[in-house]
Amino acid sequence: MTTARLCPGCDLPLLPQVAEQGQSAYCPRCNTRLYRGGHFRFSSELAIAFACLILFIPAHFFPLITIRLFGVMIPATLTSGTFSLAPSFPAVAALILFCSSIAPLLVCGSVLGAQLGLRFRRIKLFRRSLWIIEHLKHWAMFDVFLVSLGISCFKVQDYADIFVGPGLYSLVLLQLLTALLLTRISINRYWEAWQPETEHKKYSHARHCHHCHMTQDDHEHCVRCDTPLHKRMPQSIQKTWAYLIAATVFIFPANLYPISIFLNNGKRVEDTIFSGVASLVNSDMIGIAIIIFVASIVVPVAKILGLAFILLTIQFKRGVNHLQRMKLYRFIQWIGKWSMMDLFVISIMVALIDRDQLLDFTPGPGAIAFGVVVVLTMLAAESLDSRLIWDNYEQRTK
């Protein structure tokens, strides 16, 4: 019997003794965290999740901000822009609703589901809840939405008076609690509470379960969570290339076609991403222009080029700079969600500015292509098995 395990990031066999002292344990080769240290209680995570679910109500149903435009008070809730977009741009509206409401709601609700499954020993509920937490936490984007709301306020300040609503205070508090919840949750701890890894005798370190992160012998299914076991994620390189190629195709219409259409006193102004940045610079909003330029132009292109570089080095079995490529991969995973900022800005502007021929704001066809690019690049990052980066390292050092 042993507590040794394979690193989920690079497949290095390890025996993290510091974890027994309540400290976090990291892989010495790829710096992946193996165990989360410190003191924890499932009851505290349950309390935070309950608080988040309670705050969902005022954050979604009370106005975040209210503007006074042409003497009319126009409130904007978290979902009002989504419902305004739904008739003409249902795919974009669905993506915005998923990232701003559905994903964070599922993550917080799954914490309750995981604890109920653990308490009453319901393996299906427990397993599905942890799967949702692990795979949807990157799609919960309250922080991106709040930054987008600030940018939208700067854009409309020349046309209207802005008043802060009670929903904004709830949303800020909700974001803080959600961030706290995500930093505290450890999938390994939940699975160890379900069934300690030391209960299973392991005579080899052949497989790492990608779902419950248990190291075990060479089986077809995990002995703890019963999910299929694979040495590497099936078709990882092929799936990542497919997502990247599709994202590369869509990035051209996303930048060439108008992403927003602004109507001011009968004058129609169609802006691409780049022309929108240029207009912000001309309006002396240089800070906002830089944020939009980085989030909407630099980040999507950098994600595509960065992932393509990692894939090429894997396929050509490059034998150096493994740790640097791992750091690049983690950075791409972290920065991916910030590309949603432009779509959030569009949804907020649509909710605030709708005065027919006097003043109107609608998305352009480029918004659809841009939403596809965001989704495809995030799926590409998720589909890549980081252990492939280190396979050549293992062969080279043997």
Protein backbone atom coordinates (compact mmCIF):
# COMPACT_ATOMS: atom_id res chain seq x y z
CA MET A 1 0.00 0.00 0.00
CA THR A 2 1.35 3.45 -0.94
CA THR A 3 0.31 7.07 -1.17
CA ALA A 4 2.42 7.68 -4.26
CA ARG A 5 0.59 9.21 -7.19
CA LEU A 6 1.15 10.36 -10.74
CA CYS A 7 1.26 14.11 -11.25
CA PRO A 8 -1.87 15.10 -13.23
CA GLY A 9 0.15 17.71 -15.09
CA CYS A 10 3.16 15.68 -16.26
CA ASP A 11 2.65 12.07 -15.05
CA LEU A 12 5.71 12.09 -12.79
CA PRO A 13 5.44 9.49 -9.94
CA LEU A 14 5.61 11.34 -6.61
CA LEU A 15 5.34 10.77 -2.88
CA PRO A 16 4.27 14.17 -1.46
CA GLN A 17 5.11 13.79 2.24
CA VAL A 18 4.57 17.48 2.99
CA ALA A 19 0.85 16.99 2.41
CA GLU A 20 0.68 15.08 5.70
CA GLN A 21 1.75 18.23 7.54
CA GLY A 22 -1.18 20.23 6.16
CA GLN A 23 0.94 21.99 3.55
CA SER A 24 0.29 22.24 -0.16
CA ALA A 25 2.31 19.84 -2.29
CA TYR A 26 3.53 20.75 -5.77
CA CYS A 27 5.13 18.69 -8.48
CA PRO A 28 8.88 19.51 -8.58
CA ARG A 29 8.94 19.17 -12.37
CA CYS A 30 5.85 21.02 -13.70
CA ASN A 31 4.74 22.84 -10.51
CA THR A 32 1.21 21.37 -10.61
CA ARG A 33 -0.47 21.40 -7.21
CA LEU A 34 -1.00 17.84 -5.99
CA TYR A 35 -2.59 18.57 -2.62
CA ARG A 36 -4.09 21.73 -1.17
CA GLY A 37 -2.76 22.53 2.28
CA GLY A 38 -4.22 24.43 5.19
CA HIS A 39 -7.24 23.77 7.35
CA PHE A 40 -10.63 23.32 5.72
CA ARG A 41 -14.18 22.32 6.54
CA PHE A 42 -16.83 21.23 4.10
CA SER A 43 -19.37 23.15 6.17
CA SER A 44 -17.68 26.46 5.37
CA GLU A 45 -17.82 25.73 1.62
CA LEU A 46 -21.48 24.83 2.04
CA ALA A 47 -22.17 28.14 3.79
CA ILE A 48 -20.40 30.14 1.06
CA ALA A 49 -22.30 28.26 -1.67
CA PHE A 50 -25.61 28.97 0.08
CA ALA A 51 -24.71 32.65 0.37
CA CYS A 52 -23.88 32.75 -3.34
CA LEU A 53 -27.19 31.18 -4.28
CA ILE A 54 -29.07 33.69 -2.11
CA LEU A 55 -27.20 36.60 -3.70
CA PHE A 56 -28.12 35.34 -7.16
CA ILE A 57 -31.64 36.66 -6.64
CA PRO A 58 -30.91 40.37 -6.01
CA ALA A 59 -27.94 40.32 -8.40
CA HIS A 60 -30.19 39.16 -11.26
CA PHE A 61 -33.50 40.88 -10.52
CA PHE A 62 -32.44 44.28 -9.19
CA PRO A 63 -30.92 46.91 -11.53
CA LEU A 64 -27.14 47.00 -11.68
CA ILE A 65 -27.20 50.55 -12.96
CA THR A 66 -29.89 52.95 -14.17
CA ILE A 67 -29.28 55.68 -16.73
CA ARG A 68 -31.33 58.80 -17.45
CA LEU A 69 -31.48 59.15 -21.22
CA PHE A 70 -33.63 61.90 -22.78
CA GLY A 71 -35.48 62.21 -19.50
CA VAL A 72 -36.30 58.49 -19.36
CA MET A 73 -34.92 56.22 -16.63
CA ILE A 74 -33.57 52.98 -18.14
CA PRO A 75 -32.52 50.20 -15.74
CA ALA A 76 -30.10 47.44 -16.69
CA THR A 77 -30.15 44.09 -14.91
CA LEU A 78 -27.67 41.27 -15.33
CA THR A 79 -29.85 39.52 -17.91
CA SER A 80 -31.68 42.41 -19.61
CA GLY A 81 -29.11 42.68 -22.40
CA THR A 82 -29.33 38.95 -23.03
CA PHE A 83 -33.10 39.08 -23.48
CA SER A 84 -32.78 42.09 -25.77
CA LEU A 85 -30.33 40.20 -27.97
CA ALA A 86 -32.25 36.92 -28.01
CA PRO A 87 -34.72 37.67 -30.88
CA SER A 88 -32.02 38.74 -33.39
CA PHE A 89 -28.87 37.04 -32.07
CA PRO A 90 -29.97 33.95 -30.12
CA ALA A 91 -26.55 32.22 -30.23
CA VAL A 92 -24.73 35.28 -28.87
CA ALA A 93 -27.44 35.79 -26.24
CA ALA A 94 -27.18 32.15 -25.15
CA LEU A 95 -23.40 32.39 -24.79
CA ILE A 96 -23.63 35.57 -22.72
CA LEU A 97 -26.37 34.11 -20.51
CA PHE A 98 -24.37 30.92 -19.99
CA CYS A 99 -21.18 32.73 -18.93
CA SER A 100 -22.85 35.41 -16.81
CA SER A 101 -25.56 33.37 -15.11
CA ILE A 102 -25.93 29.67 -15.91
CA ALA A 103 -22.31 28.53 -15.42
CA PRO A 104 -21.78 30.26 -12.03
CA LEU A 105 -25.22 29.06 -10.87
CA LEU A 106 -24.36 25.47 -11.82
CA VAL A 107 -20.98 25.68 -10.08
CA CYS A 108 -22.46 27.00 -6.82
CA GLY A 109 -25.34 24.54 -6.98
CA SER A 110 -22.95 21.67 -7.66
CA VAL A 111 -21.15 22.37 -4.39
CA LEU A 112 -24.44 21.60 -2.65
CA GLY A 113 -24.92 18.57 -4.90
CA ALA A 114 -21.45 17.24 -4.08
CA GLN A 115 -22.02 17.58 -0.36
CA LEU A 116 -25.45 15.95 -0.56
CA GLY A 117 -23.98 13.14 -2.64
CA LEU A 118 -21.18 12.71 -0.12
CA ARG A 119 -23.53 12.73 2.85
CA PHE A 120 -26.07 10.27 1.41
CA ARG A 121 -23.52 8.25 -0.64
CA ARG A 122 -25.10 8.99 -4.03
CA ILE A 123 -22.25 8.33 -6.44
CA LYS A 124 -23.98 9.66 -9.59
CA LEU A 125 -24.92 12.97 -7.95
CA PHE A 126 -21.48 13.24 -6.34
CA ARG A 127 -19.57 12.48 -9.54
CA ARG A 128 -21.63 14.76 -11.78
CA SER A 129 -21.44 17.63 -9.31
CA LEU A 130 -17.66 17.46 -9.14
CA TRP A 131 -17.46 17.20 -12.95
CA ILE A 132 -19.48 20.42 -13.26
CA ILE A 133 -17.29 22.24 -10.74
CA GLU A 134 -14.07 21.18 -12.46
CA HIS A 135 -15.17 21.90 -16.03
CA LEU A 136 -17.41 24.96 -15.67
CA LYS A 137 -15.45 27.03 -13.17
CA HIS A 138 -13.54 28.70 -16.04
CA TRP A 139 -16.87 29.67 -17.65
CA ALA A 140 -18.14 31.55 -14.58
CA MET A 141 -17.34 35.14 -15.54
CA PHE A 142 -18.74 37.58 -12.99
CA ASP A 143 -15.34 39.32 -12.85
CA VAL A 144 -15.27 39.83 -16.62
CA PHE A 145 -18.84 41.11 -16.55
CA LEU A 146 -18.07 43.67 -13.85
CA VAL A 147 -15.13 45.05 -15.84
CA SER A 148 -17.37 45.15 -18.94
CA LEU A 149 -20.00 47.05 -16.96
CA GLY A 150 -17.41 49.67 -16.00
CA ILE A 151 -16.37 50.07 -19.64
CA SER A 152 -20.00 50.45 -20.70
CA CYS A 153 -20.53 53.18 -18.12
CA PHE A 154 -17.59 55.12 -19.53
CA LYS A 155 -19.07 54.78 -23.02
CA VAL A 156 -22.54 56.10 -22.13
CA GLN A 157 -21.46 58.85 -19.74
CA ASP A 158 -21.53 61.41 -22.57
CA TYR A 159 -25.15 60.60 -23.40
CA ALA A 160 -26.78 59.90 -20.05
CA ASP A 161 -26.62 60.26 -16.28
CA ILE A 162 -25.65 57.04 -14.48
CA PHE A 163 -27.02 55.81 -11.14
CA VAL A 164 -25.81 52.75 -9.26
CA GLY A 165 -28.50 50.21 -8.47
CA PRO A 166 -28.77 47.70 -5.58
CA GLY A 167 -28.07 44.82 -7.95
CA LEU A 168 -24.50 46.03 -8.47
CA TYR A 169 -23.66 45.76 -4.77
CA SER A 170 -25.09 42.23 -4.76
CA LEU A 171 -23.10 41.30 -7.87
CA VAL A 172 -19.83 42.59 -6.43
CA LEU A 173 -20.40 40.64 -3.22
CA LEU A 174 -21.43 37.60 -5.27
CA GLN A 175 -18.19 37.78 -7.27
CA LEU A 176 -16.09 38.00 -4.10
CA LEU A 177 -17.83 34.99 -2.55
CA THR A 178 -17.65 33.00 -5.80
CA ALA A 179 -13.93 33.69 -6.10
CA LEU A 180 -13.46 32.65 -2.46
CA LEU A 181 -15.46 29.46 -3.07
CA LEU A 182 -13.43 28.50 -6.14
CA THR A 183 -10.13 29.05 -4.33
CA ARG A 184 -11.24 26.82 -1.43
CA ILE A 185 -12.70 23.92 -3.40
CA SER A 186 -10.42 20.92 -3.92
CA ILE A 187 -11.73 18.06 -6.05
CA ASN A 188 -9.12 15.75 -4.47
CA ARG A 189 -10.44 16.46 -0.97
CA TYR A 190 -13.97 15.55 -1.96
CA TRP A 191 -12.87 12.27 -3.50
CA GLU A 192 -10.66 11.49 -0.52
CA ALA A 193 -13.68 12.07 1.72
CA TRP A 194 -15.71 9.73 -0.47
CA GLN A 195 -13.08 7.00 -0.43
CA PRO A 196 -9.47 7.49 0.71
CA GLU A 197 -6.90 6.62 -1.90
CA THR A 198 -4.93 4.57 0.65
CA GLU A 199 -7.75 1.99 0.81
CA HIS A 200 -6.64 0.64 -2.54
CA LYS A 201 -3.51 -1.44 -2.91
CA LYS A 202 -1.40 -0.19 -5.79
CA TYR A 203 1.41 -2.28 -7.11
CA SER A 204 2.19 0.02 -10.01
CA HIS A 205 1.58 3.60 -11.11
CA ALA A 206 0.16 2.85 -14.53
CA ARG A 207 -2.87 5.14 -14.73
CA HIS A 208 -4.02 8.51 -13.44
CA CYS A 209 -7.80 8.97 -13.39
CA HIS A 210 -8.56 12.27 -15.04
CA HIS A 211 -11.84 12.57 -13.13
CA CYS A 212 -11.09 11.72 -9.48
CA HIS A 213 -7.28 12.09 -9.84
CA MET A 214 -6.49 8.72 -8.29
CA THR A 215 -3.33 6.84 -9.28
CA GLN A 216 -3.94 3.12 -9.73
CA ASP A 217 -3.06 -0.03 -11.61
CA ASP A 218 -3.80 -0.54 -15.27
CA HIS A 219 -7.60 -1.01 -15.38
CA GLU A 220 -10.23 -0.19 -17.97
CA HIS A 221 -12.26 1.79 -15.44
CA CYS A 222 -11.31 3.71 -12.30
CA VAL A 223 -11.70 1.62 -9.16
CA ARG A 224 -13.03 4.64 -7.27
CA CYS A 225 -15.27 6.63 -9.65
CA ASP A 226 -15.80 4.02 -12.40
CA THR A 227 -14.93 6.37 -15.29
CA PRO A 228 -12.90 4.99 -18.23
CA LEU A 229 -9.13 5.19 -17.79
CA HIS A 230 -6.75 6.35 -20.50
CA LYS A 231 -3.00 6.79 -20.56
CA ARG A 232 -3.65 10.10 -22.30
CA MET A 233 -6.89 11.87 -23.16
CA PRO A 234 -8.21 10.23 -26.36
CA GLN A 235 -7.66 12.22 -29.57
CA SER A 236 -6.38 15.19 -27.58
CA ILE A 237 -4.09 16.58 -30.29
CA GLN A 238 -6.63 16.02 -33.06
CA LYS A 239 -9.44 17.73 -31.13
CA THR A 240 -7.25 20.68 -30.21
CA TRP A 241 -6.11 21.14 -33.83
CA ALA A 242 -9.73 20.97 -35.00
CA TYR A 243 -10.82 23.68 -32.56
CA LEU A 244 -7.82 25.86 -33.43
CA ILE A 245 -8.31 25.60 -37.19
CA ALA A 246 -12.00 26.44 -36.83
CA ALA A 247 -11.16 29.39 -34.56
CA THR A 248 -8.58 30.63 -37.09
CA VAL A 249 -11.23 30.55 -39.83
CA PHE A 250 -13.74 32.52 -37.75
CA ILE A 251 -11.25 35.09 -36.49
CA PHE A 252 -11.17 36.77 -39.91
CA PRO A 253 -14.90 37.62 -40.11
CA ALA A 254 -14.79 38.46 -36.39
CA ASN A 255 -12.30 41.25 -37.17
CA LEU A 256 -13.41 42.24 -40.68
CA TYR A 257 -17.17 42.45 -40.16
CA PRO A 258 -18.78 45.07 -37.88
CA ILE A 259 -19.11 43.88 -34.31
CA SER A 260 -21.42 46.75 -33.29
CA ILE A 261 -23.75 49.19 -35.01
CA PHE A 262 -24.40 52.56 -33.35
CA LEU A 263 -27.26 54.79 -34.50
CA ASN A 264 -27.11 58.44 -33.38
CA ASN A 265 -29.74 60.87 -34.68
CA GLY A 266 -30.19 58.85 -37.85
CA LYS A 267 -26.46 58.50 -38.48
CA ARG A 268 -25.39 54.86 -38.69
CA VAL A 269 -21.87 53.99 -37.52
CA GLU A 270 -20.61 50.44 -38.00
CA ASP A 271 -17.53 49.54 -35.99
CA THR A 272 -15.22 46.57 -36.31
CA ILE A 273 -13.17 45.64 -33.26
CA PHE A 274 -10.20 47.65 -34.51
CA SER A 275 -12.20 50.71 -35.58
CA GLY A 276 -13.98 50.65 -32.22
CA VAL A 277 -10.61 50.76 -30.48
CA ALA A 278 -9.55 53.64 -32.75
CA SER A 279 -12.73 55.60 -31.94
CA LEU A 280 -12.06 55.13 -28.23
CA VAL A 281 -8.56 56.54 -28.72
CA ASN A 282 -10.00 59.52 -30.62
CA SER A 283 -12.44 60.07 -27.74
CA ASP A 284 -9.51 60.23 -25.26
CA MET A 285 -10.52 56.89 -23.68
CA ILE A 286 -7.04 55.45 -24.12
CA GLY A 287 -7.19 53.20 -21.06
CA ILE A 288 -10.43 51.56 -22.20
CA ALA A 289 -9.08 51.30 -25.75
CA ILE A 290 -6.05 49.39 -24.48
CA ILE A 291 -8.24 47.01 -22.46
CA ILE A 292 -10.52 46.29 -25.43
CA PHE A 293 -7.56 45.93 -27.80
CA VAL A 294 -5.83 43.43 -25.54
CA ALA A 295 -8.98 41.44 -24.66
CA SER A 296 -10.56 41.36 -28.13
CA ILE A 297 -7.57 41.32 -30.52
CA VAL A 298 -4.39 40.34 -28.71
CA VAL A 299 -5.80 37.60 -26.47
CA PRO A 300 -7.66 35.55 -29.15
CA VAL A 301 -4.71 35.70 -31.56
CA ALA A 302 -2.24 34.91 -28.77
CA LYS A 303 -4.31 31.91 -27.66
CA ILE A 304 -4.37 30.49 -31.19
CA LEU A 305 -0.66 31.07 -31.77
CA GLY A 306 0.30 29.83 -28.30
CA LEU A 307 -1.69 26.60 -28.56
CA ALA A 308 -0.45 26.01 -32.12
CA PHE A 309 3.13 26.43 -30.88
CA ILE A 310 2.56 23.92 -28.05
CA LEU A 311 0.97 21.41 -30.44
CA LEU A 312 3.81 21.71 -32.95
CA THR A 313 6.45 21.21 -30.26
CA ILE A 314 4.59 18.10 -29.09
CA GLN A 315 4.29 16.65 -32.58
CA PHE A 316 7.89 17.44 -33.50
CA LYS A 317 9.04 16.08 -30.12
CA ARG A 318 10.92 19.17 -29.09
CA GLY A 319 13.14 18.22 -26.15
CA VAL A 320 13.68 21.58 -24.39
CA ASN A 321 11.70 24.28 -22.56
CA HIS A 322 9.06 21.92 -21.18
CA LEU A 323 8.39 24.04 -18.10
CA GLN A 324 8.10 27.21 -20.19
CA ARG A 325 5.54 25.52 -22.43
CA MET A 326 3.61 24.35 -19.36
CA LYS A 327 3.54 27.91 -18.01
CA LEU A 328 2.34 29.15 -21.40
CA TYR A 329 -0.44 26.56 -21.41
CA ARG A 330 -1.63 27.58 -17.93
CA PHE A 331 -1.56 31.26 -18.92
CA ILE A 332 -3.70 30.50 -21.98
CA GLN A 333 -6.20 28.65 -19.77
CA TRP A 334 -6.40 31.58 -17.35
CA ILE A 335 -6.63 34.41 -19.86
CA GLY A 336 -9.13 32.74 -22.18
CA LYS A 337 -12.30 34.01 -20.50
CA TRP A 338 -11.30 37.68 -20.80
CA SER A 339 -12.07 37.61 -24.51
CA MET A 340 -15.76 37.63 -23.51
CA MET A 341 -15.42 41.24 -22.43
CA ASP A 342 -16.45 42.71 -25.80
CA LEU A 343 -19.61 40.59 -25.95
CA PHE A 344 -20.56 41.59 -22.41
CA VAL A 345 -20.08 45.25 -23.31
CA ILE A 346 -22.37 44.78 -26.32
CA SER A 347 -25.11 43.17 -24.21
CA ILE A 348 -24.97 45.95 -21.62
CA MET A 349 -25.03 48.68 -24.28
CA VAL A 350 -27.99 47.03 -25.99
CA ALA A 351 -29.88 47.05 -22.67
CA LEU A 352 -29.08 50.69 -21.96
CA ILE A 353 -29.32 52.38 -25.37
CA ASP A 354 -32.56 51.67 -27.22
CA ARG A 355 -34.28 54.87 -28.30
CA ASP A 356 -35.24 53.81 -31.84
CA GLN A 357 -34.00 56.35 -34.43
CA LEU A 358 -32.59 58.81 -31.91
CA LEU A 359 -30.06 56.56 -30.25
CA ASP A 360 -29.69 52.84 -30.75
CA PHE A 361 -27.02 50.16 -30.33
CA THR A 362 -27.11 46.69 -31.87
CA PRO A 363 -24.54 43.95 -32.50
CA GLY A 364 -23.14 43.40 -35.97
CA PRO A 365 -22.45 40.13 -37.78
CA GLY A 366 -18.89 40.17 -36.45
CA ALA A 367 -20.25 39.55 -32.94
CA ILE A 368 -21.43 36.07 -33.93
CA ALA A 369 -18.04 35.14 -35.38
CA PHE A 370 -16.26 36.60 -32.37
CA GLY A 371 -18.40 34.54 -29.98
CA VAL A 372 -17.50 31.41 -31.95
CA VAL A 373 -13.79 32.27 -31.65
CA VAL A 374 -14.08 32.69 -27.88
CA VAL A 375 -15.84 29.33 -27.43
CA LEU A 376 -13.51 27.43 -29.78
CA THR A 377 -10.31 28.74 -28.21
CA MET A 378 -11.52 27.89 -24.70
CA LEU A 379 -12.54 24.40 -25.83
CA ALA A 380 -9.14 23.99 -27.50
CA ALA A 381 -7.34 24.78 -24.25
CA GLU A 382 -9.54 22.33 -22.33
CA SER A 383 -9.09 19.52 -24.86
CA LEU A 384 -5.28 19.56 -24.75
CA ASP A 385 -3.76 17.00 -22.38
CA SER A 386 -0.84 18.82 -20.71
CA ARG A 387 0.92 15.51 -20.04
CA LEU A 388 1.70 15.29 -23.75
CA ILE A 389 4.11 18.20 -23.27
CA TRP A 390 6.22 16.05 -20.96
CA ASP A 391 6.17 12.74 -22.83
CA ASN A 392 9.24 13.67 -24.85
CA TYR A 393 10.93 14.86 -21.64
CA GLU A 394 10.51 11.40 -20.14
CA GLN A 395 11.85 9.67 -23.25
CA ARG A 396 14.81 12.04 -23.50
CA THR A 397 15.88 11.59 -19.87
CA LYS A 398 15.64 7.77 -19.86
